[in-house]
């Protein structure tokens, strides 16, 4: 049984994808960098990236606020948010894997 709190680092994640796909690690690394580079660029420009059957990534702005202790304050800041699709949430709950056909028919997140 695996530790539910174990973290998978970038290098291990890329190695797993390479093993699953049969692609060279160098190719997977390049694709990984380009996908996440494009994702960050799109969200930074105010776009919402919807990966049907997986979820959506979007930008959320937060107002600054005073810190309750001391005289300091937190400036306005932004965060990258992710909202998983219902299919992903069902899979995480332990339901059987769904087919690609079900993913295509799912509404965007």
N, C-alpha and C. Protein backbone atom coordinates (compact mmCIF):
# COMPACT_ATOMS: atom_id res chain seq x y z
N UNK A 1 0.85 -1.18 0.00
CA UNK A 1 0.00 0.00 0.00
C UNK A 1 0.89 1.24 0.00
N UNK A 2 0.52 2.24 -0.78
CA UNK A 2 1.33 3.45 -0.85
C UNK A 2 0.89 4.47 0.19
N UNK A 3 1.82 5.31 0.58
CA UNK A 3 1.56 6.37 1.54
C UNK A 3 0.69 7.43 0.86
N UNK A 4 -0.50 7.75 1.38
CA UNK A 4 -1.38 8.71 0.72
C UNK A 4 -0.82 10.14 0.74
N UNK A 5 0.20 10.39 1.54
CA UNK A 5 0.78 11.73 1.64
C UNK A 5 2.12 11.83 0.91
N UNK A 6 2.50 10.78 0.22
CA UNK A 6 3.77 10.77 -0.50
C UNK A 6 3.69 11.75 -1.66
N UNK A 7 4.75 12.50 -1.84
CA UNK A 7 4.81 13.46 -2.93
C UNK A 7 5.59 12.86 -4.08
N UNK A 8 5.16 13.14 -5.28
CA UNK A 8 5.86 12.70 -6.48
C UNK A 8 6.52 13.93 -7.09
N UNK A 9 7.83 13.93 -7.12
CA UNK A 9 8.58 15.06 -7.67
C UNK A 9 8.53 15.04 -9.20
N UNK A 10 8.86 16.15 -9.80
CA UNK A 10 8.83 16.32 -11.25
C UNK A 10 9.59 15.20 -11.95
N UNK A 11 10.81 14.92 -11.52
CA UNK A 11 11.65 13.92 -12.17
C UNK A 11 10.98 12.54 -12.16
N UNK A 12 10.43 12.15 -11.02
CA UNK A 12 9.75 10.86 -10.92
C UNK A 12 8.49 10.84 -11.78
N UNK A 13 7.74 11.93 -11.77
CA UNK A 13 6.53 12.02 -12.58
C UNK A 13 6.86 11.83 -14.05
N UNK A 14 7.88 12.53 -14.53
CA UNK A 14 8.30 12.41 -15.93
C UNK A 14 8.76 10.98 -16.23
N UNK A 15 9.48 10.36 -15.32
CA UNK A 15 9.92 8.98 -15.52
C UNK A 15 8.74 8.02 -15.62
N UNK A 16 7.73 8.25 -14.80
CA UNK A 16 6.53 7.40 -14.85
C UNK A 16 5.80 7.55 -16.18
N UNK A 17 5.67 8.80 -16.65
CA UNK A 17 5.00 9.03 -17.94
C UNK A 17 5.80 8.38 -19.06
N UNK A 18 7.11 8.50 -19.01
CA UNK A 18 7.96 7.88 -20.04
C UNK A 18 7.79 6.36 -20.03
N UNK A 19 7.75 5.77 -18.85
CA UNK A 19 7.58 4.32 -18.75
C UNK A 19 6.20 3.89 -19.27
N UNK A 20 5.17 4.66 -18.94
CA UNK A 20 3.81 4.33 -19.37
C UNK A 20 3.65 4.47 -20.88
N UNK A 21 4.25 5.51 -21.44
CA UNK A 21 4.06 5.81 -22.86
C UNK A 21 5.06 5.11 -23.77
N UNK A 22 6.20 4.74 -23.20
CA UNK A 22 7.25 4.16 -24.03
C UNK A 22 8.08 5.22 -24.74
N UNK A 23 7.85 6.47 -24.43
CA UNK A 23 8.60 7.57 -25.04
C UNK A 23 9.89 7.81 -24.26
N UNK A 24 10.89 8.38 -24.91
CA UNK A 24 12.14 8.71 -24.21
C UNK A 24 11.90 9.81 -23.16
N UNK A 25 12.64 9.74 -22.08
CA UNK A 25 12.51 10.74 -21.02
C UNK A 25 12.74 12.15 -21.57
N UNK A 26 13.66 12.31 -22.50
CA UNK A 26 13.94 13.62 -23.09
C UNK A 26 12.70 14.18 -23.80
N UNK A 27 11.98 13.33 -24.50
CA UNK A 27 10.76 13.75 -25.20
C UNK A 27 9.67 14.13 -24.20
N UNK A 28 9.49 13.29 -23.19
CA UNK A 28 8.46 13.57 -22.17
C UNK A 28 8.80 14.86 -21.43
N UNK A 29 10.06 15.08 -21.13
CA UNK A 29 10.49 16.31 -20.45
C UNK A 29 10.15 17.53 -21.30
N UNK A 30 10.43 17.44 -22.58
CA UNK A 30 10.14 18.55 -23.48
C UNK A 30 8.64 18.84 -23.56
N UNK A 31 7.85 17.79 -23.71
CA UNK A 31 6.39 17.96 -23.76
C UNK A 31 5.87 18.53 -22.45
N UNK A 32 6.35 18.02 -21.33
CA UNK A 32 5.96 18.51 -19.99
C UNK A 32 6.22 20.01 -19.88
N UNK A 33 7.43 20.43 -20.25
CA UNK A 33 7.79 21.85 -20.15
C UNK A 33 6.92 22.71 -21.05
N UNK A 34 6.64 22.25 -22.26
CA UNK A 34 5.82 23.04 -23.18
C UNK A 34 4.37 23.11 -22.73
N UNK A 35 3.82 22.01 -22.25
CA UNK A 35 2.44 22.03 -21.77
C UNK A 35 2.28 23.00 -20.61
N UNK A 36 3.14 22.88 -19.61
CA UNK A 36 3.00 23.76 -18.45
C UNK A 36 3.40 25.20 -18.75
N UNK A 37 4.32 25.41 -19.69
CA UNK A 37 4.63 26.77 -20.13
C UNK A 37 3.43 27.43 -20.79
N UNK A 38 2.78 26.69 -21.67
CA UNK A 38 1.58 27.23 -22.35
C UNK A 38 0.44 27.45 -21.37
N UNK A 39 0.26 26.52 -20.45
CA UNK A 39 -0.78 26.65 -19.43
C UNK A 39 -0.57 27.94 -18.62
N UNK A 40 0.65 28.16 -18.16
CA UNK A 40 0.93 29.35 -17.36
C UNK A 40 0.77 30.63 -18.17
N UNK A 41 1.22 30.62 -19.42
CA UNK A 41 1.05 31.81 -20.28
C UNK A 41 -0.42 32.13 -20.48
N UNK A 42 -1.22 31.11 -20.77
CA UNK A 42 -2.64 31.33 -21.01
C UNK A 42 -3.34 31.88 -19.77
N UNK A 43 -3.08 31.28 -18.63
CA UNK A 43 -3.73 31.73 -17.39
C UNK A 43 -3.24 33.13 -17.01
N UNK A 44 -1.96 33.41 -17.22
CA UNK A 44 -1.42 34.74 -16.92
C UNK A 44 -2.09 35.82 -17.78
N UNK A 45 -2.56 35.44 -18.98
CA UNK A 45 -3.25 36.38 -19.87
C UNK A 45 -4.75 36.45 -19.57
N UNK A 46 -5.18 35.79 -18.50
CA UNK A 46 -6.58 35.86 -18.10
C UNK A 46 -7.47 34.80 -18.72
N UNK A 47 -6.88 33.85 -19.44
CA UNK A 47 -7.68 32.79 -20.05
C UNK A 47 -7.91 31.66 -19.05
N UNK A 48 -9.00 30.95 -19.22
CA UNK A 48 -9.27 29.74 -18.46
C UNK A 48 -8.96 28.57 -19.38
N UNK A 49 -8.11 27.66 -18.92
CA UNK A 49 -7.75 26.50 -19.72
C UNK A 49 -8.62 25.34 -19.27
N UNK A 50 -9.45 24.83 -20.18
CA UNK A 50 -10.36 23.73 -19.88
C UNK A 50 -9.85 22.47 -20.58
N UNK A 51 -9.52 21.47 -19.80
CA UNK A 51 -9.12 20.17 -20.33
C UNK A 51 -10.29 19.23 -20.07
N UNK A 52 -11.13 19.07 -21.08
CA UNK A 52 -12.36 18.30 -20.95
C UNK A 52 -12.07 16.92 -20.37
N UNK A 53 -12.82 16.56 -19.35
CA UNK A 53 -12.65 15.27 -18.70
C UNK A 53 -11.59 15.30 -17.61
N UNK A 54 -10.89 16.43 -17.47
CA UNK A 54 -9.87 16.55 -16.42
C UNK A 54 -10.20 17.69 -15.47
N UNK A 55 -10.32 18.89 -16.01
CA UNK A 55 -10.64 20.03 -15.15
C UNK A 55 -10.27 21.33 -15.83
N UNK A 56 -10.31 22.40 -15.02
CA UNK A 56 -9.98 23.72 -15.58
C UNK A 56 -8.99 24.43 -14.67
N UNK A 57 -8.14 25.21 -15.30
CA UNK A 57 -7.14 26.02 -14.62
C UNK A 57 -7.49 27.47 -14.87
N UNK A 58 -7.44 28.29 -13.83
CA UNK A 58 -7.80 29.68 -14.00
C UNK A 58 -7.07 30.54 -12.96
N UNK A 59 -7.08 31.84 -13.23
CA UNK A 59 -6.43 32.84 -12.38
C UNK A 59 -7.44 33.38 -11.38
N UNK A 60 -7.03 33.53 -10.15
CA UNK A 60 -7.91 34.14 -9.16
C UNK A 60 -7.13 35.22 -8.41
N UNK A 61 -7.67 36.44 -8.42
CA UNK A 61 -7.04 37.56 -7.74
C UNK A 61 -7.54 37.63 -6.30
N UNK A 62 -6.65 38.01 -5.41
CA UNK A 62 -7.01 38.18 -4.00
C UNK A 62 -6.61 39.59 -3.57
N UNK A 63 -7.47 40.21 -2.80
CA UNK A 63 -7.17 41.54 -2.27
C UNK A 63 -6.18 41.43 -1.12
N UNK A 64 -5.35 42.44 -1.02
CA UNK A 64 -4.43 42.51 0.11
C UNK A 64 -5.20 42.71 1.41
N UNK A 65 -4.50 42.51 2.51
CA UNK A 65 -5.16 42.67 3.80
C UNK A 65 -4.11 43.00 4.86
N UNK A 66 -4.60 43.56 5.95
CA UNK A 66 -3.72 43.86 7.07
C UNK A 66 -3.44 42.58 7.84
N UNK A 67 -2.24 42.49 8.34
CA UNK A 67 -1.89 41.34 9.17
C UNK A 67 -2.29 41.67 10.60
N UNK A 68 -2.89 40.74 11.28
CA UNK A 68 -3.42 40.98 12.62
C UNK A 68 -2.35 41.27 13.66
N UNK A 69 -1.14 40.87 13.39
CA UNK A 69 -0.06 41.15 14.34
C UNK A 69 0.94 42.07 13.66
N UNK A 70 1.37 43.07 14.35
CA UNK A 70 2.34 44.01 13.79
C UNK A 70 1.70 45.05 12.91
N UNK A 71 2.54 45.80 12.23
CA UNK A 71 2.08 46.90 11.38
C UNK A 71 2.15 46.56 9.90
N UNK A 72 2.36 45.32 9.55
CA UNK A 72 2.56 44.97 8.14
C UNK A 72 1.23 44.63 7.46
N UNK A 73 1.31 44.54 6.15
CA UNK A 73 0.13 44.20 5.35
C UNK A 73 0.57 43.29 4.20
N UNK A 74 -0.36 42.53 3.69
CA UNK A 74 -0.13 41.69 2.53
C UNK A 74 -0.71 42.41 1.32
N UNK A 75 0.12 42.60 0.28
CA UNK A 75 -0.35 43.27 -0.93
C UNK A 75 -1.31 42.36 -1.69
N UNK A 76 -2.01 42.94 -2.67
CA UNK A 76 -2.86 42.14 -3.55
C UNK A 76 -1.99 41.05 -4.17
N UNK A 77 -2.58 39.89 -4.43
CA UNK A 77 -1.82 38.79 -5.02
C UNK A 77 -2.74 37.91 -5.85
N UNK A 78 -2.15 37.09 -6.69
CA UNK A 78 -2.89 36.20 -7.57
C UNK A 78 -2.47 34.77 -7.32
N UNK A 79 -3.38 33.84 -7.60
CA UNK A 79 -3.07 32.42 -7.47
C UNK A 79 -3.61 31.67 -8.69
N UNK A 80 -2.98 30.56 -8.99
CA UNK A 80 -3.47 29.65 -10.02
C UNK A 80 -4.42 28.69 -9.34
N UNK A 81 -5.62 28.57 -9.84
CA UNK A 81 -6.62 27.67 -9.27
C UNK A 81 -6.88 26.52 -10.23
N UNK A 82 -7.29 25.39 -9.67
CA UNK A 82 -7.65 24.23 -10.46
C UNK A 82 -8.97 23.69 -9.92
N UNK A 83 -9.87 23.38 -10.82
CA UNK A 83 -11.14 22.77 -10.46
C UNK A 83 -11.27 21.47 -11.25
N UNK A 84 -11.27 20.35 -10.54
CA UNK A 84 -11.34 19.04 -11.19
C UNK A 84 -12.72 18.79 -11.77
N UNK A 85 -12.77 18.04 -12.85
CA UNK A 85 -14.04 17.67 -13.46
C UNK A 85 -14.73 16.61 -12.60
N UNK A 86 -16.03 16.45 -12.78
CA UNK A 86 -16.74 15.39 -12.05
C UNK A 86 -16.16 14.00 -12.29
N UNK A 87 -15.69 13.74 -13.51
CA UNK A 87 -15.11 12.43 -13.81
C UNK A 87 -13.86 12.20 -12.96
N UNK A 88 -13.00 13.19 -12.88
CA UNK A 88 -11.78 13.06 -12.07
C UNK A 88 -12.15 12.86 -10.60
N UNK A 89 -13.10 13.62 -10.12
CA UNK A 89 -13.51 13.47 -8.72
C UNK A 89 -14.07 12.08 -8.43
N UNK A 90 -14.84 11.53 -9.36
CA UNK A 90 -15.37 10.18 -9.17
C UNK A 90 -14.24 9.16 -9.14
N UNK A 91 -13.25 9.34 -10.00
CA UNK A 91 -12.11 8.41 -10.02
C UNK A 91 -11.34 8.48 -8.70
N UNK A 92 -11.20 9.65 -8.14
CA UNK A 92 -10.49 9.81 -6.87
C UNK A 92 -11.26 9.17 -5.72
N UNK A 93 -12.57 9.09 -5.86
CA UNK A 93 -13.40 8.47 -4.82
C UNK A 93 -13.36 6.96 -4.90
N UNK A 94 -12.61 6.41 -5.87
CA UNK A 94 -12.47 4.98 -5.96
C UNK A 94 -13.43 4.30 -6.90
N UNK A 95 -14.18 5.06 -7.68
CA UNK A 95 -15.07 4.46 -8.66
C UNK A 95 -14.23 3.88 -9.78
N UNK A 96 -14.73 2.89 -10.47
CA UNK A 96 -13.97 2.28 -11.56
C UNK A 96 -13.59 3.32 -12.61
N UNK A 97 -12.49 3.06 -13.29
CA UNK A 97 -12.05 3.96 -14.36
C UNK A 97 -13.14 4.09 -15.40
N UNK A 98 -13.26 5.28 -15.93
CA UNK A 98 -14.25 5.54 -16.96
C UNK A 98 -13.59 5.48 -18.32
N UNK A 99 -14.35 5.17 -19.32
CA UNK A 99 -13.81 5.06 -20.67
C UNK A 99 -13.57 6.43 -21.27
N UNK A 100 -12.75 6.46 -22.33
CA UNK A 100 -12.51 7.71 -23.05
C UNK A 100 -13.82 8.27 -23.61
N UNK A 101 -14.75 7.37 -23.97
CA UNK A 101 -16.04 7.80 -24.50
C UNK A 101 -16.80 8.64 -23.47
N UNK A 102 -16.73 8.24 -22.20
CA UNK A 102 -17.40 9.00 -21.15
C UNK A 102 -16.77 10.36 -20.98
N UNK A 103 -15.46 10.44 -21.16
CA UNK A 103 -14.76 11.71 -21.02
C UNK A 103 -15.18 12.67 -22.13
N UNK A 104 -15.30 12.18 -23.34
CA UNK A 104 -15.69 13.03 -24.46
C UNK A 104 -17.08 13.59 -24.25
N UNK A 105 -17.97 12.82 -23.66
CA UNK A 105 -19.35 13.26 -23.47
C UNK A 105 -19.52 14.18 -22.26
N UNK A 106 -18.53 14.24 -21.39
CA UNK A 106 -18.64 15.05 -20.17
C UNK A 106 -18.64 16.53 -20.52
N UNK A 107 -19.39 17.29 -19.75
CA UNK A 107 -19.42 18.73 -19.91
C UNK A 107 -18.07 19.29 -19.49
N UNK A 108 -17.60 20.39 -20.09
CA UNK A 108 -16.37 21.02 -19.63
C UNK A 108 -16.50 21.43 -18.17
N UNK A 109 -15.37 21.37 -17.47
CA UNK A 109 -15.37 21.68 -16.03
C UNK A 109 -15.72 23.13 -15.79
